[in-house]
Amino acid sequence: MEYKIMFIIALAVTFLATVLISRWLIPVLKSRKMGQKILEIGPRWHKSKEGTPTMGGIAFIVPAVVVGVAGSVFLWIREGASAALPLVLTLVLGLMGGLIGCIDDSAKLRNKRNEGLTAPQKFLLQLAAAALYLLGMTFFCHMTTSLYIPYFNVSFDIGPFFYVFAMILIVGMMNSVNLTDGIDGLASSVTLVVGVFFTVAGFLTGMAEADGSLLMLGGVIIGGTAGFLVYNFHPARVFMGDTGSIFLGGLVVGGAFMMNNPLIIVVAGLVFILETLSVMLQVTYFKITHGKRLFKMSPIHHHFEQCGWSEVKIVLVFSAATVALCAAAVFGLRRF
């Protein structure tokens, strides 16, 4: 019962704080001319969005971290360090991702174009964040190199290759959530659904008692994204920027490691992954065919835009697909 109350409080406080901070932050971002620049190669109708304040992810990062840390202290007192540290480290991973995104967003605004850090710079910074997270999980949370295979209830110790896999997964998911943030409310909505999945997992994997750390993570993700959607749903009055999307990517992939079931995010977060795959396939096909395109535009949400789908329809369909995927992921949870 205590964990249920903790979850409700975390969700409510994060939601209200995000709404209030967003309401204050949007005019501040506007006054400092921190508006989004739109690429010429993007959908032509997106030009009307140019100037919409970006870096709005700060609005949910602050309450999510504060509430998450408060919840971690409660867990530490009640259950000990082993119950709290995975959540703390996941929050730190999210924060490192948010900092990388903030540097990228700041560079874009400073250069007055939709290009900030170079791809290698961003990749190396994310790789460093992933390495630090895995180092912390190994030494403080006794994470092993055993990889659990969802649905088959078996594990394989893959030794050092586990860390290679883990770093690719972490960096890949951070960038996947970042790519999903291309139309109003899409990244927020899909991440909200994944937050609900973590909440359900918190109850199911805890068996007799709820897993407080997962419930807390689910609470801050749901509260933060729902609060942000008040201003980010179409027509968006603010964008989260790389600051918010990479932060959310860190929380999403970190939640899977908290469950000792990293592969489960491949199922629950498949929509994010498909966004990245669509870009990779587009680039590869373009090079192989010397100029032909597999999709009308990538990431895949822009393809559907070009097919005539409205932004609201894309958000609803992608969110519904994530609901179905998360429902399927429930059956792949690792029971303790």
C-alpha atoms as a PDB file:
ATOM      1  CA  MET A   1       0.000   0.000   0.000  1.00  0.00           C
ATOM      2  CA  GLU A   2       2.870   2.393   0.785  1.00  0.00           C
ATOM      3  CA  TYR A   3       4.285   1.925  -2.697  1.00  0.00           C
ATOM      4  CA  LYS A   4       0.900   2.555  -4.307  1.00  0.00           C
ATOM      5  CA  ILE A   5       0.603   5.827  -2.413  1.00  0.00           C
ATOM      6  CA  MET A   6       4.187   6.699  -3.313  1.00  0.00           C
ATOM      7  CA  PHE A   7       3.421   6.093  -6.997  1.00  0.00           C
ATOM      8  CA  ILE A   8       0.281   8.256  -6.918  1.00  0.00           C
ATOM      9  CA  ILE A   9       2.121  11.085  -5.146  1.00  0.00           C
ATOM     10  CA  ALA A  10       5.066  10.874  -7.579  1.00  0.00           C
ATOM     11  CA  LEU A  11       2.758  10.981 -10.606  1.00  0.00           C
ATOM     12  CA  ALA A  12       0.591  13.816  -9.275  1.00  0.00           C
ATOM     13  CA  VAL A  13       3.459  16.015  -8.079  1.00  0.00           C
ATOM     14  CA  THR A  14       5.485  15.523 -11.280  1.00  0.00           C
ATOM     15  CA  PHE A  15       2.421  16.242 -13.425  1.00  0.00           C
ATOM     16  CA  LEU A  16       1.430  19.427 -11.587  1.00  0.00           C
ATOM     17  CA  ALA A  17       5.002  20.692 -11.337  1.00  0.00           C
ATOM     18  CA  THR A  18       5.580  20.085 -15.070  1.00  0.00           C
ATOM     19  CA  VAL A  19       2.413  21.986 -15.993  1.00  0.00           C
ATOM     20  CA  LEU A  20       3.307  24.914 -13.737  1.00  0.00           C
ATOM     21  CA  ILE A  21       6.958  25.062 -14.805  1.00  0.00           C
ATOM     22  CA  SER A  22       5.947  24.842 -18.484  1.00  0.00           C
ATOM     23  CA  ARG A  23       3.520  27.720 -18.032  1.00  0.00           C
ATOM     24  CA  TRP A  24       6.342  29.831 -16.603  1.00  0.00           C
ATOM     25  CA  LEU A  25       9.087  28.533 -18.886  1.00  0.00           C
ATOM     26  CA  ILE A  26       7.419  29.089 -22.285  1.00  0.00           C
ATOM     27  CA  PRO A  27       7.356  32.917 -22.011  1.00  0.00           C
ATOM     28  CA  VAL A  28      10.937  32.867 -20.704  1.00  0.00           C
ATOM     29  CA  LEU A  29      12.128  30.807 -23.691  1.00  0.00           C
ATOM     30  CA  LYS A  30      10.238  33.114 -26.055  1.00  0.00           C
ATOM     31  CA  SER A  31      11.730  36.246 -24.499  1.00  0.00           C
ATOM     32  CA  ARG A  32      15.215  34.796 -24.970  1.00  0.00           C
ATOM     33  CA  LYS A  33      14.395  33.902 -28.586  1.00  0.00           C
ATOM     34  CA  MET A  34      15.064  30.205 -27.989  1.00  0.00           C
ATOM     35  CA  GLY A  35      12.897  29.119 -30.917  1.00  0.00           C
ATOM     36  CA  GLN A  36      13.193  25.941 -32.971  1.00  0.00           C
ATOM     37  CA  LYS A  37      14.829  26.162 -36.395  1.00  0.00           C
ATOM     38  CA  ILE A  38      13.211  23.985 -39.067  1.00  0.00           C
ATOM     39  CA  LEU A  39      15.331  22.153 -41.636  1.00  0.00           C
ATOM     40  CA  GLU A  40      14.649  22.990 -45.268  1.00  0.00           C
ATOM     41  CA  ILE A  41      14.589  19.253 -46.067  1.00  0.00           C
ATOM     42  CA  GLY A  42      11.738  18.682 -43.616  1.00  0.00           C
ATOM     43  CA  PRO A  43       8.029  18.768 -44.459  1.00  0.00           C
ATOM     44  CA  ARG A  44       7.274  22.195 -45.927  1.00  0.00           C
ATOM     45  CA  TRP A  45       4.253  22.694 -43.648  1.00  0.00           C
ATOM     46  CA  HIS A  46       6.560  22.438 -40.617  1.00  0.00           C
ATOM     47  CA  LYS A  47       7.993  25.863 -41.466  1.00  0.00           C
ATOM     48  CA  SER A  48       5.024  27.353 -39.629  1.00  0.00           C
ATOM     49  CA  LYS A  49       6.421  25.793 -36.433  1.00  0.00           C
ATOM     50  CA  GLU A  50       9.673  27.766 -36.700  1.00  0.00           C
ATOM     51  CA  GLY A  51      10.165  29.948 -33.660  1.00  0.00           C
ATOM     52  CA  THR A  52       8.236  27.645 -31.306  1.00  0.00           C
ATOM     53  CA  PRO A  53      10.221  27.560 -28.036  1.00  0.00           C
ATOM     54  CA  THR A  54      12.488  24.544 -27.642  1.00  0.00           C
ATOM     55  CA  MET A  55      14.397  23.042 -24.679  1.00  0.00           C
ATOM     56  CA  GLY A  56      11.028  22.713 -22.959  1.00  0.00           C
ATOM     57  CA  GLY A  57      12.146  19.340 -21.629  1.00  0.00           C
ATOM     58  CA  ILE A  58      13.569  21.258 -18.677  1.00  0.00           C
ATOM     59  CA  ALA A  59       9.958  21.536 -17.460  1.00  0.00           C
ATOM     60  CA  PHE A  60       9.685  17.814 -16.755  1.00  0.00           C
ATOM     61  CA  ILE A  61      13.357  17.041 -16.082  1.00  0.00           C
ATOM     62  CA  VAL A  62      13.470  19.156 -12.931  1.00  0.00           C
ATOM     63  CA  PRO A  63      10.379  17.698 -11.193  1.00  0.00           C
ATOM     64  CA  ALA A  64      11.152  14.155 -12.402  1.00  0.00           C
ATOM     65  CA  VAL A  65      14.624  14.260 -10.855  1.00  0.00           C
ATOM     66  CA  VAL A  66      13.531  15.969  -7.644  1.00  0.00           C
ATOM     67  CA  VAL A  67      10.608  13.600  -7.096  1.00  0.00           C
ATOM     68  CA  GLY A  68      12.704  10.616  -8.168  1.00  0.00           C
ATOM     69  CA  VAL A  69      15.456  11.472  -5.688  1.00  0.00           C
ATOM     70  CA  ALA A  70      12.886  11.965  -2.915  1.00  0.00           C
ATOM     71  CA  GLY A  71      11.429   8.559  -3.715  1.00  0.00           C
ATOM     72  CA  SER A  72      14.894   7.029  -3.712  1.00  0.00           C
ATOM     73  CA  VAL A  73      15.555   8.396  -0.229  1.00  0.00           C
ATOM     74  CA  PHE A  74      12.290   6.841   0.951  1.00  0.00           C
ATOM     75  CA  LEU A  75      13.238   3.498  -0.608  1.00  0.00           C
ATOM     76  CA  TRP A  76      16.733   3.699   0.890  1.00  0.00           C
ATOM     77  CA  ILE A  77      15.336   4.251   4.378  1.00  0.00           C
ATOM     78  CA  ARG A  78      12.701   1.555   4.033  1.00  0.00           C
ATOM     79  CA  GLU A  79      14.465  -1.146   2.008  1.00  0.00           C
ATOM     80  CA  GLY A  80      18.139  -0.208   1.934  1.00  0.00           C
ATOM     81  CA  ALA A  81      20.573   0.989  -0.699  1.00  0.00           C
ATOM     82  CA  SER A  82      20.003  -1.982  -3.005  1.00  0.00           C
ATOM     83  CA  ALA A  83      16.392  -0.905  -3.566  1.00  0.00           C
ATOM     84  CA  ALA A  84      17.202   2.758  -4.228  1.00  0.00           C
ATOM     85  CA  LEU A  85      20.473   2.819  -6.166  1.00  0.00           C
ATOM     86  CA  PRO A  86      19.161   1.418  -9.495  1.00  0.00           C
ATOM     87  CA  LEU A  87      16.609   4.249  -9.616  1.00  0.00           C
ATOM     88  CA  VAL A  88      19.234   6.836  -8.654  1.00  0.00           C
ATOM     89  CA  LEU A  89      21.605   5.632 -11.368  1.00  0.00           C
ATOM     90  CA  THR A  90      18.828   5.619 -13.972  1.00  0.00           C
ATOM     91  CA  LEU A  91      17.957   9.201 -13.056  1.00  0.00           C
ATOM     92  CA  VAL A  92      21.645  10.074 -13.435  1.00  0.00           C
ATOM     93  CA  LEU A  93      21.684   8.405 -16.867  1.00  0.00           C
ATOM     94  CA  GLY A  94      18.670  10.476 -17.862  1.00  0.00           C
ATOM     95  CA  LEU A  95      20.336  13.626 -16.542  1.00  0.00           C
ATOM     96  CA  MET A  96      23.525  12.918 -18.487  1.00  0.00           C
ATOM     97  CA  GLY A  97      21.406  12.453 -21.597  1.00  0.00           C
ATOM     98  CA  GLY A  98      19.551  15.686 -20.860  1.00  0.00           C
ATOM     99  CA  LEU A  99      22.849  17.526 -20.466  1.00  0.00           C
ATOM    100  CA  ILE A 100      24.076  16.217 -23.829  1.00  0.00           C
ATOM    101  CA  GLY A 101      20.785  17.322 -25.370  1.00  0.00           C
ATOM    102  CA  CYS A 102      21.062  20.726 -23.716  1.00  0.00           C
ATOM    103  CA  ILE A 103      24.543  21.231 -25.179  1.00  0.00           C
ATOM    104  CA  ASP A 104      23.184  20.215 -28.590  1.00  0.00           C
ATOM    105  CA  ASP A 105      20.139  22.497 -28.340  1.00  0.00           C
ATOM    106  CA  SER A 106      22.291  25.411 -27.161  1.00  0.00           C
ATOM    107  CA  ALA A 107      24.637  24.954 -30.123  1.00  0.00           C
ATOM    108  CA  LYS A 108      21.677  24.943 -32.524  1.00  0.00           C
ATOM    109  CA  LEU A 109      20.324  28.162 -31.060  1.00  0.00           C
ATOM    110  CA  ARG A 110      23.751  29.775 -30.985  1.00  0.00           C
ATOM    111  CA  ASN A 111      24.417  28.839 -34.614  1.00  0.00           C
ATOM    112  CA  LYS A 112      20.823  29.731 -35.581  1.00  0.00           C
ATOM    113  CA  ARG A 113      20.262  26.475 -37.461  1.00  0.00           C
ATOM    114  CA  ASN A 114      18.852  23.025 -36.709  1.00  0.00           C
ATOM    115  CA  GLU A 115      22.319  21.503 -36.395  1.00  0.00           C
ATOM    116  CA  GLY A 116      24.177  21.408 -33.102  1.00  0.00           C
ATOM    117  CA  LEU A 117      26.719  18.807 -32.067  1.00  0.00           C
ATOM    118  CA  THR A 118      28.141  16.686 -34.847  1.00  0.00           C
ATOM    119  CA  ALA A 119      27.056  13.043 -34.967  1.00  0.00           C
ATOM    120  CA  PRO A 120      30.451  11.772 -33.711  1.00  0.00           C
ATOM    121  CA  GLN A 121      30.457  14.287 -30.842  1.00  0.00           C
ATOM    122  CA  LYS A 122      26.975  13.306 -29.724  1.00  0.00           C
ATOM    123  CA  PHE A 123      27.753   9.589 -30.099  1.00  0.00           C
ATOM    124  CA  LEU A 124      30.924   9.803 -27.988  1.00  0.00           C
ATOM    125  CA  LEU A 125      29.177  11.755 -25.238  1.00  0.00           C
ATOM    126  CA  GLN A 126      26.300   9.269 -25.156  1.00  0.00           C
ATOM    127  CA  LEU A 127      28.794   6.391 -25.162  1.00  0.00           C
ATOM    128  CA  ALA A 128      30.519   7.928 -22.143  1.00  0.00           C
ATOM    129  CA  ALA A 129      27.184   8.325 -20.342  1.00  0.00           C
ATOM    130  CA  ALA A 130      26.311   4.694 -21.077  1.00  0.00           C
ATOM    131  CA  ALA A 131      29.709   3.509 -19.834  1.00  0.00           C
ATOM    132  CA  LEU A 132      29.364   5.433 -16.562  1.00  0.00           C
ATOM    133  CA  TYR A 133      25.848   4.058 -16.040  1.00  0.00           C
ATOM    134  CA  LEU A 134      26.960   0.470 -16.615  1.00  0.00           C
ATOM    135  CA  LEU A 135      29.956   0.989 -14.348  1.00  0.00           C
ATOM    136  CA  GLY A 136      27.658   2.207 -11.583  1.00  0.00           C
ATOM    137  CA  MET A 137      25.144  -0.603 -12.078  1.00  0.00           C
ATOM    138  CA  THR A 138      27.953  -3.188 -11.971  1.00  0.00           C
ATOM    139  CA  PHE A 139      29.747  -1.934  -8.868  1.00  0.00           C
ATOM    140  CA  PHE A 140      26.844  -0.593  -6.815  1.00  0.00           C
ATOM    141  CA  CYS A 141      23.921  -2.761  -7.968  1.00  0.00           C
ATOM    142  CA  HIS A 142      25.794  -6.001  -8.685  1.00  0.00           C
ATOM    143  CA  MET A 143      24.597  -6.184 -12.281  1.00  0.00           C
ATOM    144  CA  THR A 144      25.905  -9.347 -13.942  1.00  0.00           C
ATOM    145  CA  THR A 145      26.824 -10.131 -17.531  1.00  0.00           C
ATOM    146  CA  SER A 146      23.933 -12.576 -17.779  1.00  0.00           C
ATOM    147  CA  LEU A 147      21.450 -11.657 -20.518  1.00  0.00           C
ATOM    148  CA  TYR A 148      17.856 -12.675 -19.882  1.00  0.00           C
ATOM    149  CA  ILE A 149      15.836 -13.771 -22.916  1.00  0.00           C
ATOM    150  CA  PRO A 150      12.190 -12.665 -22.602  1.00  0.00           C
ATOM    151  CA  TYR A 151       9.445 -15.254 -23.151  1.00  0.00           C
ATOM    152  CA  PHE A 152      11.898 -18.173 -22.920  1.00  0.00           C
ATOM    153  CA  ASN A 153      12.746 -17.668 -19.230  1.00  0.00           C
ATOM    154  CA  VAL A 154      16.422 -18.436 -19.810  1.00  0.00           C
ATOM    155  CA  SER A 155      19.623 -16.461 -19.294  1.00  0.00           C
ATOM    156  CA  PHE A 156      23.023 -16.635 -20.952  1.00  0.00           C
ATOM    157  CA  ASP A 157      26.238 -15.283 -19.486  1.00  0.00           C
ATOM    158  CA  ILE A 158      27.856 -13.547 -22.452  1.00  0.00           C
ATOM    159  CA  GLY A 159      30.751 -12.068 -20.499  1.00  0.00           C
ATOM    160  CA  PRO A 160      32.312  -8.815 -21.760  1.00  0.00           C
ATOM    161  CA  PHE A 161      30.031  -8.858 -24.809  1.00  0.00           C
ATOM    162  CA  PHE A 162      27.206  -7.909 -22.437  1.00  0.00           C
ATOM    163  CA  TYR A 163      28.713  -4.449 -22.006  1.00  0.00           C
ATOM    164  CA  VAL A 164      29.122  -3.989 -25.750  1.00  0.00           C
ATOM    165  CA  PHE A 165      25.482  -4.958 -26.249  1.00  0.00           C
ATOM    166  CA  ALA A 166      24.365  -2.768 -23.339  1.00  0.00           C
ATOM    167  CA  MET A 167      26.176   0.328 -24.598  1.00  0.00           C
ATOM    168  CA  ILE A 168      24.738  -0.097 -28.091  1.00  0.00           C
ATOM    169  CA  LEU A 169      21.250  -0.502 -26.616  1.00  0.00           C
ATOM    170  CA  ILE A 170      21.549   2.555 -24.368  1.00  0.00           C
ATOM    171  CA  VAL A 171      22.959   4.864 -27.045  1.00  0.00           C
ATOM    172  CA  GLY A 172      20.548   3.467 -29.615  1.00  0.00           C
ATOM    173  CA  MET A 173      17.494   4.035 -27.428  1.00  0.00           C
ATOM    174  CA  MET A 174      18.556   7.572 -26.517  1.00  0.00           C
ATOM    175  CA  ASN A 175      18.816   8.439 -30.208  1.00  0.00           C
ATOM    176  CA  SER A 176      15.620   6.570 -31.072  1.00  0.00           C
ATOM    177  CA  VAL A 177      13.524   8.617 -28.646  1.00  0.00           C
ATOM    178  CA  ASN A 178      15.276  11.708 -29.994  1.00  0.00           C
ATOM    179  CA  LEU A 179      14.286  10.821 -33.587  1.00  0.00           C
ATOM    180  CA  THR A 180      10.702  10.112 -32.506  1.00  0.00           C
ATOM    181  CA  ASP A 181      10.404  13.710 -31.322  1.00  0.00           C
ATOM    182  CA  GLY A 182       9.585  15.013 -34.793  1.00  0.00           C
ATOM    183  CA  ILE A 183       5.921  15.987 -34.601  1.00  0.00           C
ATOM    184  CA  ASP A 184       3.745  17.524 -31.896  1.00  0.00           C
ATOM    185  CA  GLY A 185       3.217  15.220 -28.937  1.00  0.00           C
ATOM    186  CA  LEU A 186       4.634  12.040 -30.486  1.00  0.00           C
ATOM    187  CA  ALA A 187       7.636  11.354 -28.242  1.00  0.00           C
ATOM    188  CA  SER A 188       5.693  12.461 -25.161  1.00  0.00           C
ATOM    189  CA  SER A 189       2.729  10.194 -25.910  1.00  0.00           C
ATOM    190  CA  VAL A 190       4.712   7.076 -26.793  1.00  0.00           C
ATOM    191  CA  THR A 191       6.980   7.529 -23.753  1.00  0.00           C
ATOM    192  CA  LEU A 192       3.927   7.977 -21.519  1.00  0.00           C
ATOM    193  CA  VAL A 193       2.662   4.549 -22.610  1.00  0.00           C
ATOM    194  CA  VAL A 194       6.060   3.003 -21.848  1.00  0.00           C
ATOM    195  CA  GLY A 195       5.877   4.681 -18.426  1.00  0.00           C
ATOM    196  CA  VAL A 196       2.586   2.864 -17.819  1.00  0.00           C
ATOM    197  CA  PHE A 197       4.344  -0.368 -18.789  1.00  0.00           C
ATOM    198  CA  PHE A 198       7.004   0.215 -16.124  1.00  0.00           C
ATOM    199  CA  THR A 199       4.257   0.805 -13.584  1.00  0.00           C
ATOM    200  CA  VAL A 200       2.543  -2.467 -14.475  1.00  0.00           C
ATOM    201  CA  ALA A 201       5.926  -4.216 -14.374  1.00  0.00           C
ATOM    202  CA  GLY A 202       6.521  -2.738 -10.925  1.00  0.00           C
ATOM    203  CA  PHE A 203       3.460  -4.550  -9.618  1.00  0.00           C
ATOM    204  CA  LEU A 204       3.944  -7.799 -11.530  1.00  0.00           C
ATOM    205  CA  THR A 205       7.666  -8.339 -11.001  1.00  0.00           C
ATOM    206  CA  GLY A 206       7.396  -7.455  -7.314  1.00  0.00           C
ATOM    207  CA  MET A 207       5.223 -10.540  -6.786  1.00  0.00           C
ATOM    208  CA  ALA A 208       4.018 -10.259  -3.159  1.00  0.00           C
ATOM    209  CA  GLU A 209       4.978  -6.582  -2.870  1.00  0.00           C
ATOM    210  CA  ALA A 210       5.273  -3.911  -5.529  1.00  0.00           C
ATOM    211  CA  ASP A 211       8.690  -2.947  -6.818  1.00  0.00           C
ATOM    212  CA  GLY A 212       8.938   0.598  -5.463  1.00  0.00           C
ATOM    213  CA  SER A 213      11.783   1.679  -7.736  1.00  0.00           C
ATOM    214  CA  LEU A 214       9.904   0.773 -10.937  1.00  0.00           C
ATOM    215  CA  LEU A 215       6.708   2.345  -9.635  1.00  0.00           C
ATOM    216  CA  MET A 216       8.594   5.538  -8.881  1.00  0.00           C
ATOM    217  CA  LEU A 217      10.168   5.525 -12.350  1.00  0.00           C
ATOM    218  CA  GLY A 218       6.781   4.909 -13.952  1.00  0.00           C
ATOM    219  CA  GLY A 219       5.232   7.680 -11.877  1.00  0.00           C
ATOM    220  CA  VAL A 220       7.717  10.368 -12.876  1.00  0.00           C
ATOM    221  CA  ILE A 221       7.645   9.330 -16.551  1.00  0.00           C
ATOM    222  CA  ILE A 222       3.832   9.355 -16.709  1.00  0.00           C
ATOM    223  CA  GLY A 223       3.517  12.559 -14.698  1.00  0.00           C
ATOM    224  CA  GLY A 224       6.228  14.387 -16.633  1.00  0.00           C
ATOM    225  CA  THR A 225       5.083  13.413 -20.133  1.00  0.00           C
ATOM    226  CA  ALA A 226       1.381  13.937 -19.357  1.00  0.00           C
ATOM    227  CA  GLY A 227       2.111  17.358 -17.887  1.00  0.00           C
ATOM    228  CA  PHE A 228       4.219  18.295 -20.897  1.00  0.00           C
ATOM    229  CA  LEU A 229       1.522  17.140 -23.310  1.00  0.00           C
ATOM    230  CA  VAL A 230      -0.716  19.906 -21.965  1.00  0.00           C
ATOM    231  CA  TYR A 231       1.500  22.288 -23.954  1.00  0.00           C
ATOM    232  CA  ASN A 232       3.128  19.900 -26.445  1.00  0.00           C
ATOM    233  CA  PHE A 233       0.058  18.237 -28.021  1.00  0.00           C
ATOM    234  CA  HIS A 234      -0.864  19.565 -31.458  1.00  0.00           C
ATOM    235  CA  PRO A 235      -0.622  22.465 -32.014  1.00  0.00           C
ATOM    236  CA  ALA A 236       2.453  22.484 -29.793  1.00  0.00           C
ATOM    237  CA  ARG A 237       3.272  25.611 -27.830  1.00  0.00           C
ATOM    238  CA  VAL A 238       6.661  24.225 -26.822  1.00  0.00           C
ATOM    239  CA  PHE A 239       9.067  21.496 -27.935  1.00  0.00           C
ATOM    240  CA  MET A 240      11.083  19.336 -25.549  1.00  0.00           C
ATOM    241  CA  GLY A 241      14.188  19.559 -27.741  1.00  0.00           C
ATOM    242  CA  ASP A 242      17.082  17.135 -27.528  1.00  0.00           C
ATOM    243  CA  THR A 243      17.267  18.176 -23.886  1.00  0.00           C
ATOM    244  CA  GLY A 244      14.010  16.398 -23.117  1.00  0.00           C
ATOM    245  CA  SER A 245      14.052  13.569 -25.645  1.00  0.00           C
ATOM    246  CA  ILE A 246      17.501  12.215 -24.759  1.00  0.00           C
ATOM    247  CA  PHE A 247      16.624  12.499 -21.061  1.00  0.00           C
ATOM    248  CA  LEU A 248      13.507  10.388 -21.670  1.00  0.00           C
ATOM    249  CA  GLY A 249      15.550   7.940 -23.730  1.00  0.00           C
ATOM    250  CA  GLY A 250      17.851   7.455 -20.752  1.00  0.00           C
ATOM    251  CA  LEU A 251      14.949   6.771 -18.387  1.00  0.00           C
ATOM    252  CA  VAL A 252      13.260   4.380 -20.817  1.00  0.00           C
ATOM    253  CA  VAL A 253      16.308   2.198 -21.428  1.00  0.00           C
ATOM    254  CA  GLY A 254      17.419   2.492 -17.795  1.00  0.00           C
ATOM    255  CA  GLY A 255      14.076   1.077 -16.677  1.00  0.00           C
ATOM    256  CA  ALA A 256      14.774  -2.101 -18.645  1.00  0.00           C
ATOM    257  CA  PHE A 257      18.139  -2.524 -16.907  1.00  0.00           C
ATOM    258  CA  MET A 258      16.469  -1.911 -13.542  1.00  0.00           C
ATOM    259  CA  MET A 259      14.344  -4.992 -14.292  1.00  0.00           C
ATOM    260  CA  ASN A 260      17.458  -7.019 -15.228  1.00  0.00           C
ATOM    261  CA  ASN A 261      15.657  -7.505 -18.530  1.00  0.00           C
ATOM    262  CA  PRO A 262      17.225  -5.081 -21.024  1.00  0.00           C
ATOM    263  CA  LEU A 263      15.848  -6.875 -24.091  1.00  0.00           C
ATOM    264  CA  ILE A 264      12.283  -6.156 -22.980  1.00  0.00           C
ATOM    265  CA  ILE A 265      12.643  -2.554 -24.128  1.00  0.00           C
ATOM    266  CA  VAL A 266      13.116  -3.844 -27.678  1.00  0.00           C
ATOM    267  CA  VAL A 267       9.490  -5.031 -27.452  1.00  0.00           C
ATOM    268  CA  ALA A 268       7.929  -2.228 -25.380  1.00  0.00           C
ATOM    269  CA  GLY A 269       9.920   0.485 -27.184  1.00  0.00           C
ATOM    270  CA  LEU A 270       9.744  -1.000 -30.687  1.00  0.00           C
ATOM    271  CA  VAL A 271       8.102   2.157 -32.076  1.00  0.00           C
ATOM    272  CA  PHE A 272      11.202   4.127 -31.050  1.00  0.00           C
ATOM    273  CA  ILE A 273      13.471   1.539 -32.670  1.00  0.00           C
ATOM    274  CA  LEU A 274      11.450   1.501 -35.911  1.00  0.00           C
ATOM    275  CA  GLU A 275      11.945   5.263 -36.171  1.00  0.00           C
ATOM    276  CA  THR A 276      15.714   4.738 -36.172  1.00  0.00           C
ATOM    277  CA  LEU A 277      15.556   1.734 -38.503  1.00  0.00           C
ATOM    278  CA  SER A 278      13.533   3.764 -41.009  1.00  0.00           C
ATOM    279  CA  VAL A 279      16.329   6.343 -41.160  1.00  0.00           C
ATOM    280  CA  MET A 280      19.021   3.675 -41.522  1.00  0.00           C
ATOM    281  CA  LEU A 281      17.069   1.877 -44.256  1.00  0.00           C
ATOM    282  CA  GLN A 282      16.381   5.133 -46.084  1.00  0.00           C
ATOM    283  CA  VAL A 283      20.040   6.140 -46.124  1.00  0.00           C
ATOM    284  CA  THR A 284      21.223   2.658 -47.117  1.00  0.00           C
ATOM    285  CA  TYR A 285      18.643   2.283 -49.905  1.00  0.00           C
ATOM    286  CA  PHE A 286      19.397   5.792 -51.164  1.00  0.00           C
ATOM    287  CA  LYS A 287      23.101   4.975 -51.476  1.00  0.00           C
ATOM    288  CA  ILE A 288      22.602   1.532 -53.017  1.00  0.00           C
ATOM    289  CA  THR A 289      20.100   2.755 -55.633  1.00  0.00           C
ATOM    290  CA  HIS A 290      21.950   6.030 -56.280  1.00  0.00           C
ATOM    291  CA  GLY A 291      19.146   8.372 -55.301  1.00  0.00           C
ATOM    292  CA  LYS A 292      15.958   6.339 -54.919  1.00  0.00           C
ATOM    293  CA  ARG A 293      13.983   6.478 -51.682  1.00  0.00           C
ATOM    294  CA  LEU A 294      12.419   3.623 -49.762  1.00  0.00           C
ATOM    295  CA  PHE A 295      10.124   5.991 -47.834  1.00  0.00           C
ATOM    296  CA  LYS A 296       8.705   9.317 -48.908  1.00  0.00           C
ATOM    297  CA  MET A 297      10.607  10.791 -45.969  1.00  0.00           C
ATOM    298  CA  SER A 298      12.260   9.507 -42.812  1.00  0.00           C
ATOM    299  CA  PRO A 299      11.933   9.048 -39.872  1.00  0.00           C
ATOM    300  CA  ILE A 300       8.845   6.968 -40.557  1.00  0.00           C
ATOM    301  CA  HIS A 301       6.390   9.434 -38.975  1.00  0.00           C
ATOM    302  CA  HIS A 302       7.260  11.909 -41.745  1.00  0.00           C
ATOM    303  CA  HIS A 303       6.466   9.229 -44.334  1.00  0.00           C
ATOM    304  CA  PHE A 304       2.941   8.997 -42.963  1.00  0.00           C
ATOM    305  CA  GLU A 305       2.696  12.781 -42.962  1.00  0.00           C
ATOM    306  CA  GLN A 306       3.583  12.764 -46.648  1.00  0.00           C
ATOM    307  CA  CYS A 307       0.855  10.141 -47.145  1.00  0.00           C
ATOM    308  CA  GLY A 308      -1.683  12.633 -45.813  1.00  0.00           C
ATOM    309  CA  TRP A 309      -1.978  11.567 -42.190  1.00  0.00           C
ATOM    310  CA  SER A 310      -2.512  14.387 -39.690  1.00  0.00           C
ATOM    311  CA  GLU A 311      -0.109  14.786 -36.783  1.00  0.00           C
ATOM    312  CA  VAL A 312      -2.878  13.831 -34.347  1.00  0.00           C
ATOM    313  CA  LYS A 313      -3.627  10.630 -36.262  1.00  0.00           C
ATOM    314  CA  ILE A 314       0.038   9.646 -36.290  1.00  0.00           C
ATOM    315  CA  VAL A 315       0.342  10.233 -32.548  1.00  0.00           C
ATOM    316  CA  LEU A 316      -2.803   8.196 -31.829  1.00  0.00           C
ATOM    317  CA  VAL A 317      -1.796   5.295 -34.105  1.00  0.00           C
ATOM    318  CA  PHE A 318       1.799   5.157 -32.840  1.00  0.00           C
ATOM    319  CA  SER A 319       0.595   5.354 -29.233  1.00  0.00           C
ATOM    320  CA  ALA A 320      -1.974   2.602 -29.820  1.00  0.00           C
ATOM    321  CA  ALA A 321       0.758   0.444 -31.377  1.00  0.00           C
ATOM    322  CA  THR A 322       2.898   1.046 -28.282  1.00  0.00           C
ATOM    323  CA  VAL A 323      -0.006   0.006 -26.043  1.00  0.00           C
ATOM    324  CA  ALA A 324      -0.217  -3.295 -27.952  1.00  0.00           C
ATOM    325  CA  LEU A 325       3.558  -3.780 -27.801  1.00  0.00           C
ATOM    326  CA  CYS A 326       3.682  -3.049 -24.073  1.00  0.00           C
ATOM    327  CA  ALA A 327       0.840  -5.516 -23.495  1.00  0.00           C
ATOM    328  CA  ALA A 328       2.907  -8.128 -25.346  1.00  0.00           C
ATOM    329  CA  ALA A 329       5.987  -7.145 -23.324  1.00  0.00           C
ATOM    330  CA  VAL A 330       4.156  -7.916 -20.082  1.00  0.00           C
ATOM    331  CA  PHE A 331       4.320 -11.608 -20.969  1.00  0.00           C
ATOM    332  CA  GLY A 332       8.094 -11.328 -21.340  1.00  0.00           C
ATOM    333  CA  LEU A 333       8.695  -9.892 -17.896  1.00  0.00           C
ATOM    334  CA  ARG A 334      11.209 -11.557 -15.647  1.00  0.00           C
ATOM    335  CA  ARG A 335       9.421 -12.782 -12.531  1.00  0.00           C
ATOM    336  CA  PHE A 336      11.284 -12.766  -9.228  1.00  0.00           C
END
